[in-house]
N, C-alpha and C. Protein backbone atom coordinates (compact mmCIF):
# COMPACT_ATOMS: atom_id res chain seq x y z
N UNK A 1 87.38 -126.04 93.01
CA UNK A 1 88.55 -125.35 92.43
C UNK A 1 89.64 -125.15 93.48
N UNK A 2 89.28 -124.89 94.72
CA UNK A 2 90.23 -124.71 95.80
C UNK A 2 91.14 -125.89 95.94
N UNK A 3 90.55 -127.11 95.85
CA UNK A 3 91.39 -128.34 96.05
C UNK A 3 92.33 -128.46 94.85
N UNK A 4 91.92 -128.16 93.62
CA UNK A 4 92.84 -128.26 92.49
C UNK A 4 93.98 -127.27 92.71
N UNK A 5 93.73 -126.10 93.12
CA UNK A 5 94.78 -125.14 93.36
C UNK A 5 95.64 -125.52 94.51
N UNK A 6 95.09 -126.12 95.57
CA UNK A 6 95.90 -126.70 96.66
C UNK A 6 96.93 -127.68 96.13
N UNK A 7 96.53 -128.51 95.19
CA UNK A 7 97.45 -129.54 94.63
C UNK A 7 98.50 -128.83 93.80
N UNK A 8 98.13 -127.87 93.06
CA UNK A 8 99.14 -127.11 92.26
C UNK A 8 100.04 -126.36 93.18
N UNK A 9 99.57 -125.75 94.21
CA UNK A 9 100.34 -125.06 95.17
C UNK A 9 101.42 -125.93 95.82
N UNK A 10 101.02 -127.18 96.10
CA UNK A 10 102.02 -128.11 96.69
C UNK A 10 103.12 -128.57 95.75
N UNK A 11 102.91 -128.39 94.44
CA UNK A 11 104.03 -128.73 93.51
C UNK A 11 105.07 -127.70 93.44
N UNK A 12 104.83 -126.49 93.88
CA UNK A 12 105.79 -125.38 93.82
C UNK A 12 106.61 -125.33 95.13
N UNK A 13 107.88 -125.64 94.97
CA UNK A 13 108.76 -125.77 96.17
C UNK A 13 108.87 -124.40 96.87
N UNK A 14 108.88 -123.32 96.18
CA UNK A 14 108.89 -121.95 96.85
C UNK A 14 107.63 -121.80 97.71
N UNK A 15 106.47 -122.07 97.17
CA UNK A 15 105.24 -122.00 97.90
C UNK A 15 105.18 -122.85 99.16
N UNK A 16 105.74 -124.10 99.01
CA UNK A 16 105.80 -125.03 100.15
C UNK A 16 106.72 -124.42 101.18
N UNK A 17 107.95 -123.97 100.82
CA UNK A 17 108.81 -123.44 101.74
C UNK A 17 108.27 -122.30 102.50
N UNK A 18 107.59 -121.37 101.79
CA UNK A 18 107.05 -120.20 102.40
C UNK A 18 105.74 -120.53 103.20
N UNK A 19 105.14 -121.62 102.94
CA UNK A 19 103.92 -121.94 103.65
C UNK A 19 102.68 -121.25 103.16
N UNK A 20 102.67 -121.01 101.84
CA UNK A 20 101.39 -120.48 101.23
C UNK A 20 100.26 -121.48 101.39
N UNK A 21 99.13 -121.02 101.80
CA UNK A 21 97.92 -121.85 101.98
C UNK A 21 96.86 -121.22 101.17
N UNK A 22 96.16 -122.06 100.35
CA UNK A 22 94.99 -121.58 99.57
C UNK A 22 93.76 -121.56 100.50
N UNK A 23 93.23 -120.41 100.76
CA UNK A 23 92.10 -120.25 101.71
C UNK A 23 90.78 -120.30 100.89
N UNK A 24 90.80 -119.70 99.67
CA UNK A 24 89.58 -119.63 98.86
C UNK A 24 89.99 -119.53 97.44
N UNK A 25 89.26 -120.04 96.53
CA UNK A 25 89.45 -119.96 95.11
C UNK A 25 88.18 -120.29 94.32
N UNK A 26 87.81 -119.38 93.41
CA UNK A 26 86.66 -119.63 92.60
C UNK A 26 86.11 -118.33 92.00
N UNK A 27 85.51 -118.41 90.83
CA UNK A 27 84.85 -117.29 90.20
C UNK A 27 85.74 -116.07 90.02
N UNK A 28 86.97 -116.33 89.58
CA UNK A 28 87.92 -115.22 89.31
C UNK A 28 88.51 -114.62 90.54
N UNK A 29 88.49 -115.29 91.67
CA UNK A 29 89.09 -114.83 92.90
C UNK A 29 89.90 -115.88 93.54
N UNK A 30 90.93 -115.48 94.33
CA UNK A 30 91.70 -116.43 95.06
C UNK A 30 92.22 -115.70 96.33
N UNK A 31 92.31 -116.43 97.44
CA UNK A 31 92.88 -115.88 98.65
C UNK A 31 93.90 -116.83 99.21
N UNK A 32 95.06 -116.33 99.58
CA UNK A 32 96.14 -117.07 100.16
C UNK A 32 96.48 -116.55 101.56
N UNK A 33 97.03 -117.40 102.36
CA UNK A 33 97.51 -117.00 103.71
C UNK A 33 98.88 -117.54 103.91
N UNK A 34 99.63 -116.77 104.69
CA UNK A 34 101.02 -117.25 105.08
C UNK A 34 101.38 -116.74 106.45
N UNK A 35 101.87 -117.62 107.29
CA UNK A 35 102.33 -117.25 108.60
C UNK A 35 103.69 -116.70 108.59
N UNK A 36 103.99 -115.69 109.35
CA UNK A 36 105.27 -115.06 109.46
C UNK A 36 106.23 -115.94 110.21
N UNK A 37 107.52 -116.00 109.70
CA UNK A 37 108.60 -116.67 110.37
C UNK A 37 109.74 -115.69 110.48
N UNK A 38 110.05 -115.22 111.67
CA UNK A 38 111.08 -114.21 111.83
C UNK A 38 112.51 -114.75 111.45
N UNK A 39 112.70 -115.99 111.58
CA UNK A 39 114.04 -116.56 111.26
C UNK A 39 114.48 -116.48 109.81
N UNK A 40 113.49 -116.52 108.88
CA UNK A 40 113.92 -116.56 107.51
C UNK A 40 113.05 -115.86 106.51
N UNK A 41 112.18 -114.97 106.92
CA UNK A 41 111.32 -114.23 106.04
C UNK A 41 111.58 -112.71 106.01
N UNK A 42 112.39 -112.26 106.86
CA UNK A 42 112.50 -110.81 107.00
C UNK A 42 113.65 -110.24 106.17
N UNK A 43 113.58 -108.93 105.96
CA UNK A 43 114.66 -108.20 105.31
C UNK A 43 115.51 -107.55 106.45
N UNK A 44 116.46 -106.65 106.12
CA UNK A 44 117.38 -106.14 107.15
C UNK A 44 116.70 -105.40 108.29
N UNK A 45 115.52 -104.81 108.06
CA UNK A 45 114.83 -104.06 109.14
C UNK A 45 113.80 -104.90 109.91
N UNK A 46 113.68 -106.18 109.50
CA UNK A 46 112.73 -107.05 110.14
C UNK A 46 111.36 -107.07 109.57
N UNK A 47 111.11 -106.44 108.48
CA UNK A 47 109.85 -106.56 107.80
C UNK A 47 109.80 -107.71 106.87
N UNK A 48 108.59 -108.10 106.40
CA UNK A 48 108.52 -109.13 105.38
C UNK A 48 109.29 -108.70 104.17
N UNK A 49 110.12 -109.65 103.61
CA UNK A 49 110.92 -109.32 102.46
C UNK A 49 110.12 -109.08 101.22
N UNK A 50 110.49 -108.08 100.40
CA UNK A 50 109.73 -107.73 99.19
C UNK A 50 109.61 -108.93 98.22
N UNK A 51 110.60 -109.82 98.29
CA UNK A 51 110.45 -111.00 97.43
C UNK A 51 109.28 -111.87 97.82
N UNK A 52 109.03 -111.98 99.06
CA UNK A 52 107.86 -112.72 99.51
C UNK A 52 106.60 -111.97 99.28
N UNK A 53 106.65 -110.63 99.39
CA UNK A 53 105.44 -109.86 99.05
C UNK A 53 105.13 -110.08 97.62
N UNK A 54 106.11 -110.03 96.74
CA UNK A 54 105.87 -110.28 95.31
C UNK A 54 105.39 -111.66 95.03
N UNK A 55 105.96 -112.68 95.73
CA UNK A 55 105.51 -114.02 95.53
C UNK A 55 104.07 -114.25 95.94
N UNK A 56 103.63 -113.67 97.03
CA UNK A 56 102.23 -113.79 97.48
C UNK A 56 101.32 -113.14 96.46
N UNK A 57 101.61 -111.89 96.01
CA UNK A 57 100.78 -111.17 95.09
C UNK A 57 100.73 -111.86 93.75
N UNK A 58 101.83 -112.34 93.28
CA UNK A 58 101.94 -113.06 91.95
C UNK A 58 101.10 -114.34 92.01
N UNK A 59 101.23 -115.08 93.08
CA UNK A 59 100.53 -116.31 93.20
C UNK A 59 99.00 -116.10 93.34
N UNK A 60 98.58 -115.08 94.09
CA UNK A 60 97.16 -114.76 94.22
C UNK A 60 96.62 -114.35 92.89
N UNK A 61 97.33 -113.53 92.05
CA UNK A 61 96.83 -113.18 90.73
C UNK A 61 96.75 -114.44 89.85
N UNK A 62 97.75 -115.22 89.90
CA UNK A 62 97.81 -116.45 89.04
C UNK A 62 96.72 -117.45 89.40
N UNK A 63 96.50 -117.65 90.70
CA UNK A 63 95.42 -118.55 91.09
C UNK A 63 94.02 -118.00 90.79
N UNK A 64 93.81 -116.72 90.91
CA UNK A 64 92.58 -116.15 90.59
C UNK A 64 92.34 -116.34 89.06
N UNK A 65 93.40 -116.06 88.25
CA UNK A 65 93.27 -116.26 86.81
C UNK A 65 93.00 -117.74 86.43
N UNK A 66 93.62 -118.63 87.16
CA UNK A 66 93.38 -120.05 86.88
C UNK A 66 91.95 -120.46 87.04
N UNK A 67 91.17 -119.79 87.92
CA UNK A 67 89.81 -120.15 88.13
C UNK A 67 88.93 -119.82 86.92
N UNK A 68 89.42 -118.92 86.04
CA UNK A 68 88.63 -118.58 84.87
C UNK A 68 89.25 -119.06 83.61
N UNK A 69 90.58 -119.24 83.55
CA UNK A 69 91.28 -119.49 82.34
C UNK A 69 92.16 -120.76 82.31
N UNK A 70 92.16 -121.51 83.34
CA UNK A 70 92.98 -122.68 83.43
C UNK A 70 94.44 -122.35 83.72
N UNK A 71 95.36 -123.14 83.18
CA UNK A 71 96.77 -122.97 83.48
C UNK A 71 97.25 -121.59 82.84
N UNK A 72 97.97 -120.78 83.62
CA UNK A 72 98.45 -119.49 83.13
C UNK A 72 99.90 -119.33 83.55
N UNK A 73 100.56 -118.42 82.80
CA UNK A 73 101.89 -117.98 83.18
C UNK A 73 101.93 -116.42 83.19
N UNK A 74 102.68 -115.86 84.06
CA UNK A 74 102.76 -114.38 84.14
C UNK A 74 103.63 -113.90 82.98
N UNK A 75 103.18 -112.85 82.26
CA UNK A 75 104.05 -112.19 81.28
C UNK A 75 104.48 -110.82 81.77
N UNK A 76 103.77 -110.30 82.73
CA UNK A 76 104.18 -108.98 83.32
C UNK A 76 103.56 -108.93 84.76
N UNK A 77 104.36 -108.38 85.65
CA UNK A 77 103.94 -108.31 87.04
C UNK A 77 104.57 -107.00 87.68
N UNK A 78 103.75 -106.36 88.45
CA UNK A 78 104.25 -105.18 89.23
C UNK A 78 103.79 -105.24 90.65
N UNK A 79 104.60 -104.61 91.54
CA UNK A 79 104.23 -104.61 92.95
C UNK A 79 104.39 -103.13 93.47
N UNK A 80 103.49 -102.73 94.36
CA UNK A 80 103.52 -101.47 95.01
C UNK A 80 103.52 -101.74 96.54
N UNK A 81 104.65 -101.43 97.20
CA UNK A 81 104.77 -101.59 98.65
C UNK A 81 104.17 -100.27 99.28
N UNK A 82 103.17 -100.35 100.06
CA UNK A 82 102.50 -99.24 100.60
C UNK A 82 102.88 -98.91 102.02
N UNK A 83 103.25 -99.94 102.79
CA UNK A 83 103.59 -99.79 104.20
C UNK A 83 104.45 -100.93 104.56
N UNK A 84 105.28 -100.79 105.68
CA UNK A 84 106.06 -101.91 106.13
C UNK A 84 105.18 -103.10 106.40
N UNK A 85 105.62 -104.24 105.84
CA UNK A 85 104.84 -105.49 106.04
C UNK A 85 105.25 -106.17 107.31
N UNK A 86 104.48 -105.82 108.36
CA UNK A 86 104.72 -106.36 109.68
C UNK A 86 103.44 -107.02 110.19
N UNK A 87 103.56 -108.31 110.59
CA UNK A 87 102.33 -109.01 111.13
C UNK A 87 102.70 -110.42 111.43
N UNK A 88 101.71 -111.06 112.07
CA UNK A 88 101.90 -112.45 112.44
C UNK A 88 101.48 -113.37 111.28
N UNK A 89 100.60 -112.85 110.38
CA UNK A 89 100.08 -113.56 109.26
C UNK A 89 99.81 -112.61 108.13
N UNK A 90 99.94 -113.09 106.89
CA UNK A 90 99.69 -112.26 105.69
C UNK A 90 98.64 -112.89 104.86
N UNK A 91 97.76 -112.06 104.30
CA UNK A 91 96.64 -112.51 103.47
C UNK A 91 96.75 -111.81 102.14
N UNK A 92 96.77 -112.61 101.06
CA UNK A 92 96.77 -112.05 99.70
C UNK A 92 95.50 -112.37 99.04
N UNK A 93 94.84 -111.38 98.50
CA UNK A 93 93.56 -111.55 97.78
C UNK A 93 93.73 -111.11 96.34
N UNK A 94 93.51 -112.05 95.42
CA UNK A 94 93.68 -111.77 94.02
C UNK A 94 92.31 -111.81 93.32
N UNK A 95 92.16 -111.07 92.23
CA UNK A 95 90.89 -111.07 91.43
C UNK A 95 91.18 -110.81 89.97
N UNK A 96 90.44 -111.44 89.13
CA UNK A 96 90.48 -111.13 87.70
C UNK A 96 89.83 -109.91 87.38
N UNK A 97 90.54 -109.01 86.67
CA UNK A 97 89.92 -107.77 86.21
C UNK A 97 89.27 -108.01 84.85
N UNK A 98 89.96 -108.70 83.95
CA UNK A 98 89.38 -109.06 82.64
C UNK A 98 90.07 -110.29 82.16
N UNK A 99 89.30 -111.27 81.71
CA UNK A 99 89.84 -112.49 81.15
C UNK A 99 89.56 -112.51 79.69
N UNK A 100 90.60 -112.52 78.89
CA UNK A 100 90.49 -112.65 77.45
C UNK A 100 91.02 -113.97 77.03
N UNK A 101 91.00 -114.24 75.69
CA UNK A 101 91.47 -115.50 75.16
C UNK A 101 93.00 -115.58 75.29
N UNK A 102 93.71 -114.49 75.04
CA UNK A 102 95.16 -114.51 75.03
C UNK A 102 95.78 -113.87 76.27
N UNK A 103 95.07 -113.01 76.98
CA UNK A 103 95.60 -112.40 78.20
C UNK A 103 94.58 -112.31 79.29
N UNK A 104 95.04 -112.45 80.52
CA UNK A 104 94.17 -112.30 81.69
C UNK A 104 94.82 -111.19 82.52
N UNK A 105 93.98 -110.15 82.85
CA UNK A 105 94.49 -109.09 83.74
C UNK A 105 93.97 -109.34 85.13
N UNK A 106 94.85 -109.29 86.10
CA UNK A 106 94.48 -109.56 87.46
C UNK A 106 95.15 -108.55 88.39
N UNK A 107 94.58 -108.37 89.57
CA UNK A 107 95.10 -107.50 90.56
C UNK A 107 95.03 -108.21 91.92
N UNK A 108 95.89 -107.83 92.88
CA UNK A 108 95.90 -108.43 94.18
C UNK A 108 96.28 -107.37 95.21
N UNK A 109 95.90 -107.72 96.43
CA UNK A 109 96.20 -106.88 97.62
C UNK A 109 96.74 -107.77 98.65
N UNK A 110 97.75 -107.28 99.42
CA UNK A 110 98.35 -108.00 100.46
C UNK A 110 98.05 -107.29 101.84
N UNK A 111 97.58 -108.01 102.77
CA UNK A 111 97.23 -107.48 104.05
C UNK A 111 98.06 -108.17 105.16
N UNK A 112 98.41 -107.41 106.19
CA UNK A 112 99.10 -107.94 107.36
C UNK A 112 98.13 -108.00 108.54
N UNK A 113 98.13 -109.09 109.25
CA UNK A 113 97.34 -109.26 110.46
C UNK A 113 98.24 -109.01 111.64
N UNK A 114 97.92 -108.07 112.55
CA UNK A 114 98.81 -107.78 113.65
C UNK A 114 98.87 -108.92 114.65
N UNK A 115 99.96 -108.89 115.46
CA UNK A 115 100.02 -109.81 116.59
C UNK A 115 98.76 -109.69 117.43
N UNK A 116 98.21 -110.82 117.89
CA UNK A 116 97.01 -110.78 118.71
C UNK A 116 95.77 -110.61 117.92
N UNK A 117 95.83 -110.61 116.59
CA UNK A 117 94.63 -110.53 115.78
C UNK A 117 94.32 -109.07 115.50
N UNK A 118 93.09 -108.82 115.17
CA UNK A 118 92.71 -107.45 114.84
C UNK A 118 92.47 -107.15 113.37
N UNK A 119 92.21 -105.95 113.06
CA UNK A 119 91.91 -105.56 111.67
C UNK A 119 93.12 -105.74 110.76
N UNK A 120 92.91 -106.28 109.58
CA UNK A 120 93.96 -106.43 108.59
C UNK A 120 94.36 -105.06 108.07
N UNK A 121 95.67 -104.91 107.78
CA UNK A 121 96.25 -103.65 107.29
C UNK A 121 96.74 -103.85 105.85
N UNK A 122 96.32 -103.02 104.98
CA UNK A 122 96.84 -103.15 103.58
C UNK A 122 98.27 -102.68 103.53
N UNK A 123 99.17 -103.57 103.04
CA UNK A 123 100.57 -103.27 103.02
C UNK A 123 101.11 -103.23 101.53
N UNK A 124 100.53 -103.88 100.57
CA UNK A 124 100.99 -103.90 99.24
C UNK A 124 99.89 -104.20 98.28
N UNK A 125 100.10 -103.80 97.01
CA UNK A 125 99.21 -104.16 95.88
C UNK A 125 100.07 -104.66 94.74
N UNK A 126 99.40 -105.36 93.83
CA UNK A 126 100.10 -105.86 92.63
C UNK A 126 99.17 -106.02 91.51
N UNK A 127 99.71 -106.00 90.27
CA UNK A 127 98.92 -106.27 89.07
C UNK A 127 99.73 -107.26 88.21
N UNK A 128 98.99 -108.07 87.53
CA UNK A 128 99.65 -109.04 86.67
C UNK A 128 98.87 -109.15 85.31
N UNK A 129 99.66 -109.42 84.24
CA UNK A 129 99.08 -109.83 82.96
C UNK A 129 99.57 -111.30 82.80
N UNK A 130 98.58 -112.19 82.67
CA UNK A 130 98.90 -113.60 82.58
C UNK A 130 98.47 -114.12 81.21
N UNK A 131 99.15 -115.17 80.75
CA UNK A 131 98.87 -115.74 79.47
C UNK A 131 98.38 -117.20 79.66
N UNK A 132 97.19 -117.52 79.19
CA UNK A 132 96.71 -118.90 79.29
C UNK A 132 97.67 -119.79 78.42
N UNK A 133 98.02 -120.95 78.97
CA UNK A 133 98.90 -121.90 78.21
C UNK A 133 98.22 -123.24 78.23
N UNK A 134 98.51 -124.03 77.16
CA UNK A 134 97.97 -125.38 77.11
C UNK A 134 98.64 -126.26 78.15
N UNK A 135 97.95 -127.29 78.55
CA UNK A 135 98.52 -128.24 79.48
C UNK A 135 99.78 -128.83 78.90
N UNK A 136 100.81 -129.04 79.67
CA UNK A 136 102.05 -129.62 79.23
C UNK A 136 101.79 -131.03 78.85
N UNK A 137 102.49 -131.55 77.81
CA UNK A 137 102.38 -132.94 77.43
C UNK A 137 102.99 -133.80 78.50
N UNK A 138 102.57 -135.03 78.62
CA UNK A 138 103.12 -135.90 79.66
C UNK A 138 104.66 -136.21 79.50
N UNK A 139 105.13 -136.14 78.26
CA UNK A 139 106.57 -136.26 78.08
C UNK A 139 107.00 -135.30 76.99
N UNK A 140 108.21 -134.79 77.08
CA UNK A 140 108.66 -133.76 76.09
C UNK A 140 108.83 -134.41 74.73
N UNK A 141 108.65 -133.60 73.73
CA UNK A 141 108.78 -134.12 72.33
C UNK A 141 110.24 -134.46 72.07
N UNK A 142 110.42 -135.42 71.19
CA UNK A 142 111.76 -135.79 70.79
C UNK A 142 112.43 -134.68 70.03
N UNK A 143 113.75 -134.53 70.17
CA UNK A 143 114.40 -133.43 69.43
C UNK A 143 114.32 -133.73 67.94
N UNK A 144 114.24 -132.66 67.18
CA UNK A 144 114.20 -132.77 65.75
C UNK A 144 115.51 -133.19 65.16
N UNK A 145 115.48 -134.03 64.09
CA UNK A 145 116.70 -134.46 63.48
C UNK A 145 117.36 -133.25 62.77
N UNK A 146 118.62 -133.06 62.93
CA UNK A 146 119.36 -131.97 62.25
C UNK A 146 120.28 -132.62 61.27
N UNK A 147 120.18 -132.24 60.02
CA UNK A 147 121.09 -132.73 58.98
C UNK A 147 122.08 -131.61 58.63
N UNK A 148 123.31 -131.98 58.54
CA UNK A 148 124.29 -131.01 58.18
C UNK A 148 124.62 -131.14 56.64
N UNK A 149 125.13 -130.09 56.11
CA UNK A 149 125.48 -130.09 54.72
C UNK A 149 124.23 -129.87 53.87
N UNK A 150 124.41 -129.78 52.60
CA UNK A 150 123.19 -129.64 51.74
C UNK A 150 123.39 -130.24 50.43
């Protein structure tokens, strides 16, 4: 499953730009890693930007859900920033809370690894409701004929 999610991860230009790496995926869980880049990932005070925090948590939830339910899309997502996100590397761990036929509930935690290594620090959490979707057709359907008048 990890290799399949690696391939999906590489199709997302945001994930490629940010450097998201799939570390683990299977059995309703997923773990991502991302290295800090001071030049283009920080907000005004130098912490990891909340947009990237949300991106990591969202992707961890989505990839965890994909291990149980196939292709999914988020229908709701929330983020809780608990502490300034400062570190040399960030680790997002997602897990499925409940997988149903129409909705998958998932949660994730984001940890920061300090410079020089050491114990990971919890900096944010997130929750997502995801919707399983059918695989996209290889080509879009032809537009329907529209007749005017009656």
